[in-house]
């Protein structure tokens, strides 16, 4: 049964079910692969010690219980069905473990990824090994936009920040769909503007706002893409994303915990009061959210 014929229900197609069976059988191997993959990376990378200690991979339900479909990605959900059906069967469901590099600096991109339950960090790594996140992508968007801009590589990196599932599409198929389908073309161009807004706002926020506000923005953008307020993530990884010292994140997290907005322990952060956190955050969070809602309303 074609994948596109099952998008209106929560039941996966036969094709999806086969993919999900294969994915479930290999999830543990994928998690183990994450640890070995990260242990071979630069020692200064924020991902290294996280994966090595096996504490930053979010608890994952079996793939079958999630009833995953491409339409759980909001960008794909906005594509009219007549256009979507033209490439729906080319979408491949994949599990992305923490720390997996979807693309690396100056390497040719082979696929685009539409996250469903994962979050991908777009970041730049300096020669020293220090890094900072420029944007992140969850179930609202797509990873691999440079494929549509005339270049097949970038000087930055894309790495899985929150493990989970995504649908991937081969680069040549995305380019063909982008050229052939007017609605998809416009949606992807709108998402380019959304992503550029996030990148610009991140730069402004990191320069002019306190680390406490930056952490609040980062937490809100992360949890609002997930179905939980619980994050299995360390302060070291967060400090790498924000490009600040870990001690600064510790202090900022302590302040937010005293206000009753979050709780944290090693390798785990819980957002207790997201509404309160929204009142505490700087304007950057609302700017990004407003632009997303304006250009890609759900």
Protein backbone atom coordinates (compact mmCIF):
# COMPACT_ATOMS: atom_id res chain seq x y z
CA UNK A 1 0.00 0.00 0.00
CA UNK A 2 1.37 3.40 -0.91
CA UNK A 3 2.59 5.59 1.91
CA UNK A 4 0.52 8.54 0.71
CA UNK A 5 -2.72 6.56 1.11
CA UNK A 6 -2.27 6.31 4.88
CA UNK A 7 -1.54 9.89 5.90
CA UNK A 8 -4.98 10.68 7.28
CA UNK A 9 -4.88 7.93 9.90
CA UNK A 10 -2.56 7.08 12.76
CA UNK A 11 -1.83 3.64 11.35
CA UNK A 12 1.42 3.33 9.37
CA UNK A 13 1.33 1.74 5.92
CA UNK A 14 2.78 -1.69 5.20
CA UNK A 15 5.85 0.06 3.89
CA UNK A 16 6.14 2.10 7.08
CA UNK A 17 5.50 -0.95 9.24
CA UNK A 18 8.37 -2.81 7.60
CA UNK A 19 10.64 0.19 8.07
CA UNK A 20 9.57 0.49 11.71
CA UNK A 21 10.28 -3.18 12.37
CA UNK A 22 13.77 -2.79 10.94
CA UNK A 23 14.35 0.39 12.91
CA UNK A 24 13.22 -1.14 16.20
CA UNK A 25 15.57 -4.08 15.76
CA UNK A 26 18.53 -1.76 15.31
CA UNK A 27 17.81 1.00 17.87
CA UNK A 28 20.15 -0.45 20.49
CA UNK A 29 22.88 -0.85 17.91
CA UNK A 30 22.35 2.75 16.84
CA UNK A 31 22.71 3.96 20.42
CA UNK A 32 25.91 1.97 20.85
CA UNK A 33 27.14 3.37 17.55
CA UNK A 34 26.55 6.88 18.91
CA UNK A 35 28.92 6.25 21.79
CA UNK A 36 31.71 4.94 19.59
CA UNK A 37 31.12 7.66 16.99
CA UNK A 38 31.41 10.42 19.54
CA UNK A 39 34.40 8.95 21.33
CA UNK A 40 36.43 9.34 18.15
CA UNK A 41 35.61 13.03 17.79
CA UNK A 42 37.55 16.06 18.99
CA UNK A 43 37.96 15.96 22.77
CA UNK A 44 36.73 19.53 23.04
CA UNK A 45 33.42 18.74 21.34
CA UNK A 46 30.47 19.10 23.71
CA UNK A 47 29.03 15.84 22.34
CA UNK A 48 32.00 13.67 23.30
CA UNK A 49 31.63 13.18 27.05
CA UNK A 50 27.86 13.20 26.83
CA UNK A 51 27.63 10.19 24.55
CA UNK A 52 30.56 8.46 26.24
CA UNK A 53 28.68 8.52 29.54
CA UNK A 54 25.50 7.33 27.81
CA UNK A 55 23.34 9.90 29.56
CA UNK A 56 22.13 12.25 26.85
CA UNK A 57 20.06 9.96 24.62
CA UNK A 58 16.39 10.67 25.37
CA UNK A 59 14.26 7.69 26.34
CA UNK A 60 12.68 6.42 23.12
CA UNK A 61 9.43 4.52 22.72
CA UNK A 62 9.43 1.59 20.28
CA UNK A 63 8.96 2.95 16.78
CA UNK A 64 5.70 1.05 16.23
CA UNK A 65 4.00 2.75 19.19
CA UNK A 66 4.62 6.23 17.77
CA UNK A 67 2.51 5.75 14.63
CA UNK A 68 4.88 7.93 12.65
CA UNK A 69 3.88 9.57 9.38
CA UNK A 70 5.56 12.29 7.27
CA UNK A 71 2.67 14.63 8.04
CA UNK A 72 3.93 14.89 11.63
CA UNK A 73 6.52 17.22 10.16
CA UNK A 74 4.68 20.54 9.92
CA UNK A 75 6.43 21.60 6.73
CA UNK A 76 5.39 18.41 4.95
CA UNK A 77 1.92 18.68 6.47
CA UNK A 78 1.44 22.02 4.72
CA UNK A 79 2.20 20.57 1.26
CA UNK A 80 -1.02 20.01 -0.75
CA UNK A 81 -1.79 16.32 -1.13
CA UNK A 82 -1.61 16.34 -4.92
CA UNK A 83 1.98 17.58 -4.76
CA UNK A 84 2.92 15.52 -1.71
CA UNK A 85 1.80 12.29 -3.38
CA UNK A 86 4.36 12.86 -6.14
CA UNK A 87 7.29 12.25 -3.79
CA UNK A 88 5.73 10.65 -0.67
CA UNK A 89 6.95 7.15 -1.49
CA UNK A 90 10.54 8.43 -1.72
CA UNK A 91 10.57 9.52 1.94
CA UNK A 92 12.50 7.06 4.11
CA UNK A 93 11.95 6.77 7.87
CA UNK A 94 15.23 6.74 9.81
CA UNK A 95 16.28 6.76 13.46
CA UNK A 96 18.86 9.46 14.25
CA UNK A 97 20.92 8.87 17.41
CA UNK A 98 22.45 11.63 19.51
CA UNK A 99 25.61 13.08 18.00
CA UNK A 100 25.13 11.70 14.49
CA UNK A 101 26.51 14.15 11.93
CA UNK A 102 23.98 14.73 9.15
CA UNK A 103 26.45 16.91 7.33
CA UNK A 104 29.97 18.15 7.99
CA UNK A 105 31.89 21.23 6.78
CA UNK A 106 32.57 21.25 3.04
CA UNK A 107 31.16 17.76 2.56
CA UNK A 108 28.54 17.08 -0.10
CA UNK A 109 25.02 16.76 1.27
CA UNK A 110 23.39 13.56 0.07
CA UNK A 111 20.00 13.85 1.81
CA UNK A 112 17.58 16.32 3.32
CA UNK A 113 15.99 15.41 6.66
CA UNK A 114 12.48 16.24 7.88
CA UNK A 115 12.53 15.73 11.69
CA UNK A 116 9.56 14.12 13.40
CA UNK A 117 10.65 13.44 16.99
CA UNK A 118 14.30 14.54 16.86
CA UNK A 119 16.01 17.94 16.99
CA UNK A 120 19.07 18.80 14.91
CA UNK A 121 21.60 21.47 15.86
CA UNK A 122 23.10 23.65 13.13
CA UNK A 123 26.40 24.89 14.48
CA UNK A 124 29.87 26.06 13.58
CA UNK A 125 33.01 24.47 15.00
CA UNK A 126 36.14 26.59 15.25
CA UNK A 127 39.70 25.35 14.63
CA UNK A 128 40.18 25.19 18.41
CA UNK A 129 37.23 22.81 18.73
CA UNK A 130 34.99 25.42 20.35
CA UNK A 131 31.50 25.56 18.87
CA UNK A 132 28.28 27.56 18.95
CA UNK A 133 24.82 26.84 17.64
CA UNK A 134 23.43 29.15 14.98
CA UNK A 135 20.00 27.52 14.78
CA UNK A 136 18.16 24.28 15.43
CA UNK A 137 15.59 22.34 13.44
CA UNK A 138 12.74 20.24 14.77
CA UNK A 139 9.43 19.03 13.42
CA UNK A 140 8.69 22.47 11.99
CA UNK A 141 11.30 22.30 9.25
CA UNK A 142 13.97 20.57 7.21
CA UNK A 143 17.72 20.06 7.44
CA UNK A 144 19.66 20.57 4.20
CA UNK A 145 18.37 23.83 2.75
CA UNK A 146 21.71 24.59 1.13
CA UNK A 147 20.75 21.99 -1.48
CA UNK A 148 18.15 24.46 -2.74
CA UNK A 149 20.43 27.48 -2.69
CA UNK A 150 22.76 26.29 -5.43
CA UNK A 151 25.40 24.76 -3.18
CA UNK A 152 25.76 21.14 -2.12
CA UNK A 153 27.90 21.85 0.95
CA UNK A 154 28.34 24.42 3.74
CA UNK A 155 31.20 25.38 6.11
CA UNK A 156 28.98 24.54 9.10
CA UNK A 157 27.75 21.29 10.64
CA UNK A 158 24.43 19.63 11.44
CA UNK A 159 24.41 17.24 14.38
CA UNK A 160 21.58 15.42 16.14
CA UNK A 161 20.92 17.11 19.49
CA UNK A 162 17.84 15.16 20.60
CA UNK A 163 17.68 11.58 19.35
CA UNK A 164 14.57 10.50 17.48
CA UNK A 165 13.03 9.87 14.09
CA UNK A 166 13.04 11.76 10.81
CA UNK A 167 12.13 11.19 7.19
CA UNK A 168 14.97 11.61 4.74
CA UNK A 169 14.84 12.40 1.04
CA UNK A 170 17.69 12.03 -1.43
CA UNK A 171 19.13 15.37 -2.50
CA UNK A 172 18.31 15.02 -6.20
CA UNK A 173 14.70 14.16 -5.37
CA UNK A 174 14.33 17.25 -3.18
CA UNK A 175 15.77 19.44 -5.93
CA UNK A 176 13.42 17.94 -8.50
CA UNK A 177 10.38 18.40 -6.24
CA UNK A 178 11.46 21.97 -5.46
CA UNK A 179 11.52 22.80 -9.18
CA UNK A 180 8.37 20.94 -10.18
CA UNK A 181 5.91 21.78 -7.38
CA UNK A 182 4.93 25.42 -6.85
CA UNK A 183 3.39 25.05 -3.38
CA UNK A 184 6.35 23.09 -2.03
CA UNK A 185 8.67 25.67 -3.59
CA UNK A 186 6.94 28.51 -1.74
CA UNK A 187 6.82 26.62 1.56
CA UNK A 188 10.54 25.87 1.43
CA UNK A 189 11.38 29.47 0.58
CA UNK A 190 9.25 30.64 3.50
CA UNK A 191 11.10 28.22 5.76
CA UNK A 192 14.39 29.68 4.54
CA UNK A 193 13.19 33.03 5.88
CA UNK A 194 12.14 31.41 9.18
CA UNK A 195 15.57 29.86 9.55
CA UNK A 196 17.36 33.10 8.65
CA UNK A 197 15.30 34.86 11.32
CA UNK A 198 16.33 32.28 13.89
CA UNK A 199 20.01 32.61 12.92
CA UNK A 200 19.89 36.41 13.08
CA UNK A 201 18.01 36.42 16.38
CA UNK A 202 20.47 33.92 17.88
CA UNK A 203 23.37 36.20 16.95
CA UNK A 204 21.67 39.24 18.50
CA UNK A 205 20.63 37.32 21.61
CA UNK A 206 24.11 35.90 22.21
CA UNK A 207 25.58 39.39 21.96
CA UNK A 208 23.09 41.50 23.93
CA UNK A 209 21.17 39.29 26.37
CA UNK A 210 22.15 37.57 29.59
CA UNK A 211 23.08 33.89 29.67
CA UNK A 212 20.00 33.30 31.81
CA UNK A 213 17.84 34.73 29.01
CA UNK A 214 19.74 32.78 26.37
CA UNK A 215 19.23 29.55 28.30
CA UNK A 216 15.51 30.32 28.70
CA UNK A 217 15.18 30.92 24.95
CA UNK A 218 17.03 27.72 24.12
CA UNK A 219 14.93 25.62 26.52
CA UNK A 220 11.63 26.98 25.20
CA UNK A 221 12.58 26.47 21.55
CA UNK A 222 13.60 22.90 22.40
CA UNK A 223 10.65 21.70 24.49
CA UNK A 224 8.03 23.23 22.19
CA UNK A 225 9.20 20.85 19.46
CA UNK A 226 8.85 17.82 21.72
CA UNK A 227 6.00 16.09 23.53
CA UNK A 228 7.74 16.38 26.89
CA UNK A 229 9.20 18.99 29.22
CA UNK A 230 11.93 16.55 30.26
CA UNK A 231 15.34 16.80 28.60
CA UNK A 232 18.11 14.26 29.12
CA UNK A 233 20.91 16.67 28.39
CA UNK A 234 23.89 18.01 30.29
CA UNK A 235 24.95 21.56 31.03
CA UNK A 236 28.15 20.87 29.11
CA UNK A 237 26.20 20.22 25.94
CA UNK A 238 24.02 23.29 26.49
CA UNK A 239 27.11 25.43 27.07
CA UNK A 240 28.53 24.15 23.77
CA UNK A 241 25.34 25.11 21.96
CA UNK A 242 25.32 28.62 23.42
CA UNK A 243 29.09 29.04 23.11
CA UNK A 244 29.62 29.93 26.77
CA UNK A 245 31.44 28.43 29.76
CA UNK A 246 29.77 25.53 31.55
CA UNK A 247 30.04 27.39 34.85
CA UNK A 248 27.91 30.16 33.37
CA UNK A 249 25.19 27.66 32.46
CA UNK A 250 25.36 26.22 35.98
CA UNK A 251 24.77 29.65 37.48
CA UNK A 252 21.95 30.48 35.05
CA UNK A 253 20.25 27.12 35.68
CA UNK A 254 20.53 27.64 39.44
CA UNK A 255 18.80 31.01 39.13
CA UNK A 256 15.98 29.56 37.05
CA UNK A 257 15.59 26.69 39.51
CA UNK A 258 15.31 29.09 42.45
CA UNK A 259 12.49 30.84 40.59
CA UNK A 260 10.68 27.50 40.24
CA UNK A 261 10.89 27.56 36.45
CA UNK A 262 13.10 24.49 35.97
CA UNK A 263 14.71 21.73 37.94
CA UNK A 264 17.97 20.11 37.03
CA UNK A 265 20.38 17.43 38.03
CA UNK A 266 23.33 15.94 36.22
CA UNK A 267 22.26 14.98 32.70
CA UNK A 268 18.65 16.06 33.14
CA UNK A 269 16.68 19.32 32.89
CA UNK A 270 12.93 19.60 33.54
CA UNK A 271 10.93 22.67 32.56
CA UNK A 272 8.41 23.04 35.42
CA UNK A 273 6.70 26.24 34.33
CA UNK A 274 6.90 27.01 30.62
CA UNK A 275 4.51 29.96 30.91
CA UNK A 276 6.68 31.45 33.62
CA UNK A 277 9.75 30.84 31.50
CA UNK A 278 8.10 32.67 28.60
CA UNK A 279 7.63 35.70 30.85
CA UNK A 280 11.27 35.49 31.93
CA UNK A 281 12.78 35.06 28.46
CA UNK A 282 14.00 37.90 26.23
CA UNK A 283 12.06 39.05 23.16
CA UNK A 284 14.12 36.84 20.84
CA UNK A 285 11.99 33.78 21.53
CA UNK A 286 8.77 35.54 20.57
CA UNK A 287 10.34 37.04 17.44
CA UNK A 288 11.29 33.57 16.18
CA UNK A 289 7.93 32.05 17.12
CA UNK A 290 5.95 34.91 15.57
CA UNK A 291 7.85 34.63 12.28
CA UNK A 292 7.26 30.88 12.20
CA UNK A 293 3.53 31.34 12.78
CA UNK A 294 3.32 34.15 10.21
CA UNK A 295 5.06 32.29 7.41
CA UNK A 296 4.14 28.68 8.22
CA UNK A 297 0.91 28.73 10.27
CA UNK A 298 -0.17 25.35 11.58
